[in-house]
Structures are given as structure tokens and as C-alpha cells.
Amino acid sequence: MTNESQPATATSTAQAIQGIIGVVFGVGMLWFLIGGGVENKVAKDAEAQYSIAARSGTAIDRCVHAGFVAAAYLQAKDETSYQKWKSRESSDCSIAGVPR
């Protein structure tokens, strides 16, 4: 055998590795986008915003932001967290004098 077949083999191996990496990356992105990754991140961000509002805002701010968090968990289809935040929204809104 001559060395002429080695560059072709190296090229096809590199292409196979790139293909595998592409498939793994594609599956990961698909899981993140379809599997709830984005919605769960949005819900966690909404919780962080609620915490800021609870520390620095008014009772009405807490009421409004608790509703945002509940809506984010509804979008993420996380019923347990949704119910928890609806309860907190009701409590915070009652304290703020806003009936729910």
C-alpha cells in the first residue's frame, strides 16, 4: 500500500466525527427547545424577578410578579409549581388589597 490512501482515510474519519458531533448537537438543541428547556428557564428567571420585587418593591409588585411566575410555570406545563405560585399570588394580592 502507498501513503496515498492515508489522506483520504483521515478526511473521511474527520467528516464522520463532524457528522456525529453535528447530530449530538442537533439532538441536544431539539431537546432543549421542545423538551421544556426554554420554558423552565423562563420560569426560573421569573422567580428571580419575583425575589427582586419582593425585596425592593411594594405589595402590588409582589402580587403582579407572583402572577408572572405562575404564568411562566403554566407555559412550562409544570402543574405543581403553577399551583404553588397561584397560591402565592393569591396571598400576595390579598395582602396588597387586590382581590383574586
Protein backbone atom coordinates (compact mmCIF):
# COMPACT_ATOMS: atom_id res chain seq x y z
CA MET A 1 0.00 0.00 0.00
CA THR A 2 1.08 3.51 -0.65
CA ASN A 3 0.65 6.58 1.53
CA GLU A 4 -1.87 7.99 -0.96
CA SER A 5 -4.80 6.27 0.82
CA GLN A 6 -3.98 7.79 4.21
CA PRO A 7 -5.17 11.36 3.46
CA ALA A 8 -8.49 10.03 2.17
CA THR A 9 -8.94 7.92 5.31
CA ALA A 10 -8.08 10.86 7.58
CA THR A 11 -10.53 13.09 5.71
CA SER A 12 -13.37 10.56 5.91
CA THR A 13 -12.68 10.00 9.63
CA ALA A 14 -12.77 13.74 10.28
CA GLN A 15 -16.03 14.03 8.34
CA ALA A 16 -17.54 11.16 10.32
CA ILE A 17 -16.55 12.81 13.61
CA GLN A 18 -18.01 16.14 12.44
CA GLY A 19 -21.21 14.36 11.48
CA ILE A 20 -21.51 12.68 14.87
CA ILE A 21 -20.87 15.98 16.67
CA GLY A 22 -23.49 17.66 14.47
CA VAL A 23 -26.09 15.01 15.28
CA VAL A 24 -25.36 15.18 19.03
CA PHE A 25 -25.59 18.98 18.96
CA GLY A 26 -28.82 18.86 16.95
CA VAL A 27 -30.44 16.38 19.33
CA GLY A 28 -29.37 18.50 22.30
CA MET A 29 -30.87 21.64 20.81
CA LEU A 30 -34.06 19.81 19.92
CA TRP A 31 -34.40 18.51 23.48
CA PHE A 32 -33.78 21.99 24.89
CA LEU A 33 -36.29 23.71 22.62
CA ILE A 34 -39.02 21.05 22.58
CA GLY A 35 -38.36 19.34 25.89
CA GLY A 36 -39.12 22.35 28.06
CA GLY A 37 -35.64 23.78 28.47
CA VAL A 38 -36.64 27.26 27.37
CA GLU A 39 -39.89 27.35 29.33
CA ASN A 40 -38.22 26.15 32.52
CA LYS A 41 -35.50 28.79 32.13
CA VAL A 42 -38.16 31.46 31.68
CA ALA A 43 -39.92 30.27 34.84
CA LYS A 44 -36.67 30.33 36.85
CA ASP A 45 -35.95 33.84 35.55
CA ALA A 46 -39.46 34.92 36.59
CA GLU A 47 -38.79 33.54 40.09
CA ALA A 48 -35.58 35.59 40.29
CA GLN A 49 -37.51 38.69 39.24
CA TYR A 50 -40.14 37.97 41.90
CA SER A 51 -37.38 37.80 44.51
CA ILE A 52 -36.11 41.22 43.48
CA ALA A 53 -39.64 42.65 43.58
CA ALA A 54 -40.25 41.06 47.00
CA ARG A 55 -37.10 42.66 48.42
CA SER A 56 -37.37 46.07 46.78
CA GLY A 57 -40.94 46.60 45.65
CA THR A 58 -44.39 47.16 47.03
CA ALA A 59 -47.05 44.61 47.91
CA ILE A 60 -48.61 45.21 44.50
CA ASP A 61 -45.25 44.47 42.85
CA ARG A 62 -45.15 41.11 44.67
CA CYS A 63 -48.74 40.39 43.60
CA VAL A 64 -48.02 41.15 39.94
CA HIS A 65 -44.73 39.25 39.81
CA ALA A 66 -46.20 36.19 41.54
CA GLY A 67 -48.74 36.14 38.72
CA PHE A 68 -45.92 36.31 36.16
CA VAL A 69 -44.20 33.34 37.79
CA ALA A 70 -47.44 31.34 37.85
CA ALA A 71 -47.98 32.10 34.15
CA ALA A 72 -44.42 31.01 33.34
CA TYR A 73 -44.95 27.67 35.08
CA LEU A 74 -48.26 27.24 33.27
CA GLN A 75 -46.41 27.76 29.98
CA ALA A 76 -43.80 25.19 31.09
CA LYS A 77 -46.62 22.73 31.90
CA ASP A 78 -45.34 22.33 35.49
CA GLU A 79 -48.63 21.93 37.35
CA THR A 80 -47.14 21.55 40.83
CA SER A 81 -45.14 24.78 40.59
CA TYR A 82 -48.07 26.52 38.90
CA GLN A 83 -50.39 25.68 41.80
CA LYS A 84 -47.76 26.78 44.33
CA TRP A 85 -47.33 30.14 42.62
CA LYS A 86 -51.08 30.68 42.14
CA SER A 87 -51.42 30.25 45.88
CA ARG A 88 -48.60 32.71 46.49
CA GLU A 89 -50.19 35.13 44.00
CA SER A 90 -53.49 34.90 45.86
CA SER A 91 -51.78 35.53 49.19
CA ASP A 92 -49.64 38.42 47.90
CA CYS A 93 -52.60 40.03 46.13
CA SER A 94 -54.74 39.71 49.25
CA ILE A 95 -52.03 41.50 51.26
CA ALA A 96 -51.89 44.17 48.56
CA GLY A 97 -55.67 44.60 48.68
CA VAL A 98 -56.15 43.28 45.15
CA PRO A 99 -58.89 40.62 45.07
CA ARG A 100 -58.22 37.49 43.02
